[in-house]
Structures are given as C-alpha cells and as structure tokens.
Amino acid sequence: MAKASTKPAGKSAGKAAPSINIGISEKDRAAIAKGLSRLLADTYTLYLTTHNFHWNVTGPMFNTLHLMFMTQYTELWAAVDPVAERIRSLGHPAPGSYAQFSKLASIPDVPVVPPKALEMVRILVQGHEAVARTARELFPLADKANDEPTADLLTQRLTVHEQTAWMLRSLLED
C-alpha cells in the first residue's frame, strides 16, 4: 500500500525558493518592503475613506464632490496593486487584511458617522498629505539602496497625492 504524501500540494519536498539577487541586500529589501507596507496601508485606508465619502456626501456640492471622489477612489484603487507587487518583487509578503492595515496605517479609519461635505474634504486633504509623508519618508532608504523602481513608484505616488491635496484644499479657500 502506498504511503500518503505529507507535503503541501504544489510544493516540492526539500526545495527552497531560489534566493533573490537583484543587487539590493536582504536587510535593505526588508526595510523597503516594511516602508512600502505602510504606504500600501495608508493608500488602502484612504481609498476606503474616499469611497465611503463618495457614497455618503450630501449638500449643495453633492454632484461635484460625488464625481470628484469617484475619480479619486478609482485612482487609489489602481494604486494599491503596484505597491503590493513591488513588495512582492522585493521578496516579502504584502499585507492585505484590515487588521494589518489598521496596524500599519498612519491615517485614521473613516469616521463612523459621515461628516458634512467640507469636513470630508478636510479629512481627505489630511489623508493625501499623510500618504505623501509616508512615501517621502521611504525615499532616503530607496536612494541609499539604489532601488530605482521603488523610487520611481514613490515619485509617482507623491505627484498624485500632492496634486490631489492641493485640489481638495482649493475647495476650502474662501
């Protein structure tokens, strides 16, 4: 009688994944992945907040904000995948649970009670500025490690978040 295999499906017994040799040390890859995980958590949290505000905005600016928030949450949704994939490219697992995101994010979760429209705008300004700070904090490490793909990703994210914060801030000016 044949003995049942105890190895997990899809895994070869005794074979480890090939080591990663992309010119960035394991220590630097781990530190960059940790920073990117915070960026991913901030981005996802801001996505959820923006989508919530899209659903719950009311008042005289409803149509304008409803459409603006949709454009913004769509962009944020598209941004999470490249960040997660960069983490994976560096050889680390990408966080993906609400529990992980709540521990990693620098921005608070969406308010339980939807705020008034202009308060939503203020919250989103703060969120985009926070995500920009998170991205900017990682630059020195990516630069030191000669991690150009991460630096490029950070530059792209900074451009979006700084511009979006400016546009939202403009709605708050008298």
C-alpha atoms as a PDB file:
ATOM      1  CA  MET A   1       0.000   0.000   0.000  1.00  0.00           C
ATOM      2  CA  ALA A   2       1.366   3.419  -0.965  1.00  0.00           C
ATOM      3  CA  LYS A   3       2.083   5.921   1.770  1.00  0.00           C
ATOM      4  CA  ALA A   4       0.125   9.215   1.568  1.00  0.00           C
ATOM      5  CA  SER A   5       2.240  12.277   0.908  1.00  0.00           C
ATOM      6  CA  THR A   6       2.577  14.752   3.773  1.00  0.00           C
ATOM      7  CA  LYS A   7       3.979  17.581   1.674  1.00  0.00           C
ATOM      8  CA  PRO A   8       1.673  20.504   0.803  1.00  0.00           C
ATOM      9  CA  ALA A   9       0.166  20.449  -2.667  1.00  0.00           C
ATOM     10  CA  GLY A  10       2.264  22.331  -5.191  1.00  0.00           C
ATOM     11  CA  LYS A  11       5.448  22.242  -3.063  1.00  0.00           C
ATOM     12  CA  SER A  12       8.499  20.123  -3.761  1.00  0.00           C
ATOM     13  CA  ALA A  13       9.891  18.361  -0.729  1.00  0.00           C
ATOM     14  CA  GLY A  14      13.234  19.798   0.314  1.00  0.00           C
ATOM     15  CA  LYS A  15      13.397  22.566  -2.280  1.00  0.00           C
ATOM     16  CA  ALA A  16      13.525  26.155  -1.105  1.00  0.00           C
ATOM     17  CA  ALA A  17      12.586  29.105  -3.251  1.00  0.00           C
ATOM     18  CA  PRO A  18      15.577  30.482  -5.141  1.00  0.00           C
ATOM     19  CA  SER A  19      17.400  33.261  -3.338  1.00  0.00           C
ATOM     20  CA  ILE A  20      16.876  36.810  -4.527  1.00  0.00           C
ATOM     21  CA  ASN A  21      19.875  38.568  -6.018  1.00  0.00           C
ATOM     22  CA  ILE A  22      18.721  41.870  -7.538  1.00  0.00           C
ATOM     23  CA  GLY A  23      21.565  43.999  -6.217  1.00  0.00           C
ATOM     24  CA  ILE A  24      19.762  45.096  -3.037  1.00  0.00           C
ATOM     25  CA  SER A  25      20.730  43.448   0.251  1.00  0.00           C
ATOM     26  CA  GLU A  26      18.181  41.413   2.190  1.00  0.00           C
ATOM     27  CA  LYS A  27      18.342  43.963   5.016  1.00  0.00           C
ATOM     28  CA  ASP A  28      17.534  46.838   2.650  1.00  0.00           C
ATOM     29  CA  ARG A  29      14.848  44.842   0.828  1.00  0.00           C
ATOM     30  CA  ALA A  30      13.183  44.074   4.170  1.00  0.00           C
ATOM     31  CA  ALA A  31      13.314  47.708   5.289  1.00  0.00           C
ATOM     32  CA  ILE A  32      11.970  48.978   1.962  1.00  0.00           C
ATOM     33  CA  ALA A  33       9.199  46.350   1.981  1.00  0.00           C
ATOM     34  CA  LYS A  34       8.267  47.465   5.502  1.00  0.00           C
ATOM     35  CA  GLY A  35       8.015  51.092   4.342  1.00  0.00           C
ATOM     36  CA  LEU A  36       6.039  50.083   1.263  1.00  0.00           C
ATOM     37  CA  SER A  37       3.689  48.094   3.505  1.00  0.00           C
ATOM     38  CA  ARG A  38       2.935  51.317   5.416  1.00  0.00           C
ATOM     39  CA  LEU A  39       2.367  53.088   2.090  1.00  0.00           C
ATOM     40  CA  LEU A  40       0.024  50.301   0.995  1.00  0.00           C
ATOM     41  CA  ALA A  41      -1.912  50.507   4.268  1.00  0.00           C
ATOM     42  CA  ASP A  42      -2.222  54.296   4.007  1.00  0.00           C
ATOM     43  CA  THR A  43      -3.294  54.088   0.372  1.00  0.00           C
ATOM     44  CA  TYR A  44      -5.910  51.422   1.062  1.00  0.00           C
ATOM     45  CA  THR A  45      -7.262  53.259   4.091  1.00  0.00           C
ATOM     46  CA  LEU A  46      -7.517  56.474   2.076  1.00  0.00           C
ATOM     47  CA  TYR A  47      -9.220  54.528  -0.721  1.00  0.00           C
ATOM     48  CA  LEU A  48     -11.855  53.229   1.729  1.00  0.00           C
ATOM     49  CA  THR A  49     -12.395  56.688   3.204  1.00  0.00           C
ATOM     50  CA  THR A  50     -12.757  58.286  -0.219  1.00  0.00           C
ATOM     51  CA  HIS A  51     -15.165  55.604  -1.408  1.00  0.00           C
ATOM     52  CA  ASN A  52     -17.219  55.994   1.775  1.00  0.00           C
ATOM     53  CA  PHE A  53     -17.397  59.755   1.248  1.00  0.00           C
ATOM     54  CA  HIS A  54     -18.474  59.185  -2.371  1.00  0.00           C
ATOM     55  CA  TRP A  55     -21.416  57.145  -1.078  1.00  0.00           C
ATOM     56  CA  ASN A  56     -22.335  59.462   1.771  1.00  0.00           C
ATOM     57  CA  VAL A  57     -21.724  63.032   0.586  1.00  0.00           C
ATOM     58  CA  THR A  58     -24.760  65.348   0.737  1.00  0.00           C
ATOM     59  CA  GLY A  59     -25.482  69.029   0.304  1.00  0.00           C
ATOM     60  CA  PRO A  60     -25.217  71.689  -2.378  1.00  0.00           C
ATOM     61  CA  MET A  61     -21.867  70.350  -3.666  1.00  0.00           C
ATOM     62  CA  PHE A  62     -23.173  66.776  -3.925  1.00  0.00           C
ATOM     63  CA  ASN A  63     -22.734  66.242  -7.656  1.00  0.00           C
ATOM     64  CA  THR A  64     -19.313  67.869  -7.848  1.00  0.00           C
ATOM     65  CA  LEU A  65     -17.929  66.012  -4.820  1.00  0.00           C
ATOM     66  CA  HIS A  66     -19.623  62.718  -5.687  1.00  0.00           C
ATOM     67  CA  LEU A  67     -17.897  62.698  -9.090  1.00  0.00           C
ATOM     68  CA  MET A  68     -14.588  64.017  -7.730  1.00  0.00           C
ATOM     69  CA  PHE A  69     -14.489  61.371  -5.002  1.00  0.00           C
ATOM     70  CA  MET A  70     -15.221  58.666  -7.590  1.00  0.00           C
ATOM     71  CA  THR A  71     -12.273  59.799  -9.697  1.00  0.00           C
ATOM     72  CA  GLN A  72     -10.070  59.839  -6.600  1.00  0.00           C
ATOM     73  CA  TYR A  73     -11.077  56.444  -5.200  1.00  0.00           C
ATOM     74  CA  THR A  74     -10.670  54.886  -8.659  1.00  0.00           C
ATOM     75  CA  GLU A  75      -7.111  56.219  -8.835  1.00  0.00           C
ATOM     76  CA  LEU A  76      -6.362  54.983  -5.310  1.00  0.00           C
ATOM     77  CA  TRP A  77      -7.774  51.544  -6.126  1.00  0.00           C
ATOM     78  CA  ALA A  78      -5.473  51.327  -9.149  1.00  0.00           C
ATOM     79  CA  ALA A  79      -2.502  52.381  -6.996  1.00  0.00           C
ATOM     80  CA  VAL A  80      -2.618  49.579  -4.430  1.00  0.00           C
ATOM     81  CA  ASP A  81      -1.639  46.800  -6.838  1.00  0.00           C
ATOM     82  CA  PRO A  82       1.697  48.307  -7.988  1.00  0.00           C
ATOM     83  CA  VAL A  83       2.676  48.972  -4.359  1.00  0.00           C
ATOM     84  CA  ALA A  84       1.809  45.408  -3.302  1.00  0.00           C
ATOM     85  CA  GLU A  85       3.596  43.968  -6.330  1.00  0.00           C
ATOM     86  CA  ARG A  86       6.735  45.973  -5.545  1.00  0.00           C
ATOM     87  CA  ILE A  87       6.718  44.497  -2.033  1.00  0.00           C
ATOM     88  CA  ARG A  88       6.472  41.024  -3.602  1.00  0.00           C
ATOM     89  CA  SER A  89       9.263  41.853  -6.070  1.00  0.00           C
ATOM     90  CA  LEU A  90      11.478  42.578  -3.080  1.00  0.00           C
ATOM     91  CA  GLY A  91      10.748  39.076  -1.764  1.00  0.00           C
ATOM     92  CA  HIS A  92       8.303  39.888   1.020  1.00  0.00           C
ATOM     93  CA  PRO A  93       4.591  39.217   1.529  1.00  0.00           C
ATOM     94  CA  ALA A  94       2.277  42.163   1.006  1.00  0.00           C
ATOM     95  CA  PRO A  95      -0.142  42.903   3.838  1.00  0.00           C
ATOM     96  CA  GLY A  96      -3.753  42.530   2.810  1.00  0.00           C
ATOM     97  CA  SER A  97      -6.036  42.348   5.809  1.00  0.00           C
ATOM     98  CA  TYR A  98      -7.945  45.075   7.595  1.00  0.00           C
ATOM     99  CA  ALA A  99      -6.149  44.065  10.803  1.00  0.00           C
ATOM    100  CA  GLN A 100      -2.735  44.509   9.167  1.00  0.00           C
ATOM    101  CA  PHE A 101      -3.721  47.774   7.527  1.00  0.00           C
ATOM    102  CA  SER A 102      -5.067  49.201  10.793  1.00  0.00           C
ATOM    103  CA  LYS A 103      -1.719  48.474  12.488  1.00  0.00           C
ATOM    104  CA  LEU A 104       0.378  49.873   9.637  1.00  0.00           C
ATOM    105  CA  ALA A 105      -1.618  52.930   8.525  1.00  0.00           C
ATOM    106  CA  SER A 106      -0.703  56.408   9.706  1.00  0.00           C
ATOM    107  CA  ILE A 107      -4.154  57.750   8.902  1.00  0.00           C
ATOM    108  CA  PRO A 108      -7.321  57.032  10.865  1.00  0.00           C
ATOM    109  CA  ASP A 109     -10.182  54.931   9.594  1.00  0.00           C
ATOM    110  CA  VAL A 110     -13.191  56.690   8.079  1.00  0.00           C
ATOM    111  CA  PRO A 111     -15.483  58.324  10.674  1.00  0.00           C
ATOM    112  CA  VAL A 112     -18.402  56.099  11.696  1.00  0.00           C
ATOM    113  CA  VAL A 113     -20.871  58.950  11.218  1.00  0.00           C
ATOM    114  CA  PRO A 114     -20.411  60.604   7.809  1.00  0.00           C
ATOM    115  CA  PRO A 115     -19.254  64.206   8.278  1.00  0.00           C
ATOM    116  CA  LYS A 116     -20.558  67.215   6.371  1.00  0.00           C
ATOM    117  CA  ALA A 117     -19.216  67.680   2.830  1.00  0.00           C
ATOM    118  CA  LEU A 118     -16.500  70.235   3.593  1.00  0.00           C
ATOM    119  CA  GLU A 119     -15.310  68.195   6.579  1.00  0.00           C
ATOM    120  CA  MET A 120     -14.979  65.250   4.185  1.00  0.00           C
ATOM    121  CA  VAL A 121     -12.777  67.436   2.005  1.00  0.00           C
ATOM    122  CA  ARG A 122     -10.627  68.426   5.029  1.00  0.00           C
ATOM    123  CA  ILE A 123     -10.243  64.780   6.046  1.00  0.00           C
ATOM    124  CA  LEU A 124      -9.190  63.833   2.519  1.00  0.00           C
ATOM    125  CA  VAL A 125      -6.651  66.683   2.382  1.00  0.00           C
ATOM    126  CA  GLN A 126      -5.120  65.364   5.610  1.00  0.00           C
ATOM    127  CA  GLY A 127      -5.168  61.822   4.234  1.00  0.00           C
ATOM    128  CA  HIS A 128      -3.413  62.703   0.981  1.00  0.00           C
ATOM    129  CA  GLU A 129      -0.819  64.742   2.862  1.00  0.00           C
ATOM    130  CA  ALA A 130      -0.226  61.823   5.248  1.00  0.00           C
ATOM    131  CA  VAL A 131       0.244  59.371   2.372  1.00  0.00           C
ATOM    132  CA  ALA A 132       2.688  61.818   0.763  1.00  0.00           C
ATOM    133  CA  ARG A 133       4.670  61.957   4.024  1.00  0.00           C
ATOM    134  CA  THR A 134       4.720  58.157   4.235  1.00  0.00           C
ATOM    135  CA  ALA A 135       6.039  57.921   0.668  1.00  0.00           C
ATOM    136  CA  ARG A 136       8.607  60.677   1.222  1.00  0.00           C
ATOM    137  CA  GLU A 137       9.968  59.003   4.397  1.00  0.00           C
ATOM    138  CA  LEU A 138      10.953  55.973   2.331  1.00  0.00           C
ATOM    139  CA  PHE A 139      12.962  57.906  -0.275  1.00  0.00           C
ATOM    140  CA  PRO A 140      16.301  58.021   1.618  1.00  0.00           C
ATOM    141  CA  LEU A 141      16.296  54.256   2.082  1.00  0.00           C
ATOM    142  CA  ALA A 142      15.358  53.557  -1.538  1.00  0.00           C
ATOM    143  CA  ASP A 143      18.033  56.025  -2.667  1.00  0.00           C
ATOM    144  CA  LYS A 144      20.718  54.511  -0.406  1.00  0.00           C
ATOM    145  CA  ALA A 145      19.890  51.011  -1.708  1.00  0.00           C
ATOM    146  CA  ASN A 146      19.885  52.174  -5.363  1.00  0.00           C
ATOM    147  CA  ASP A 147      16.298  50.920  -5.594  1.00  0.00           C
ATOM    148  CA  GLU A 148      15.208  52.891  -8.637  1.00  0.00           C
ATOM    149  CA  PRO A 149      11.911  51.028  -9.179  1.00  0.00           C
ATOM    150  CA  THR A 150      10.772  51.891  -5.655  1.00  0.00           C
ATOM    151  CA  ALA A 151      11.984  55.486  -6.046  1.00  0.00           C
ATOM    152  CA  ASP A 152      10.041  55.759  -9.304  1.00  0.00           C
ATOM    153  CA  LEU A 153       6.901  54.357  -7.657  1.00  0.00           C
ATOM    154  CA  LEU A 154       7.284  56.803  -4.769  1.00  0.00           C
ATOM    155  CA  THR A 155       7.692  59.720  -7.183  1.00  0.00           C
ATOM    156  CA  GLN A 156       4.506  58.734  -8.994  1.00  0.00           C
ATOM    157  CA  ARG A 157       2.559  58.417  -5.745  1.00  0.00           C
ATOM    158  CA  LEU A 158       3.879  61.727  -4.404  1.00  0.00           C
ATOM    159  CA  THR A 159       2.813  63.519  -7.564  1.00  0.00           C
ATOM    160  CA  VAL A 160      -0.742  62.195  -7.267  1.00  0.00           C
ATOM    161  CA  HIS A 161      -1.138  62.808  -3.540  1.00  0.00           C
ATOM    162  CA  GLU A 162       0.348  66.296  -3.532  1.00  0.00           C
ATOM    163  CA  GLN A 163      -1.750  67.369  -6.515  1.00  0.00           C
ATOM    164  CA  THR A 164      -4.936  65.855  -5.081  1.00  0.00           C
ATOM    165  CA  ALA A 165      -4.333  67.534  -1.704  1.00  0.00           C
ATOM    166  CA  TRP A 166      -3.866  70.875  -3.473  1.00  0.00           C
ATOM    167  CA  MET A 167      -7.085  70.460  -5.470  1.00  0.00           C
ATOM    168  CA  LEU A 168      -9.062  69.497  -2.376  1.00  0.00           C
ATOM    169  CA  ARG A 169      -7.525  72.356  -0.349  1.00  0.00           C
ATOM    170  CA  SER A 170      -8.676  74.737  -3.075  1.00  0.00           C
ATOM    171  CA  LEU A 171     -12.285  73.842  -2.230  1.00  0.00           C
ATOM    172  CA  LEU A 172     -11.729  75.019   1.339  1.00  0.00           C
ATOM    173  CA  GLU A 173     -10.460  78.509   0.438  1.00  0.00           C
ATOM    174  CA  ASP A 174     -12.775  81.496   0.798  1.00  0.00           C
END
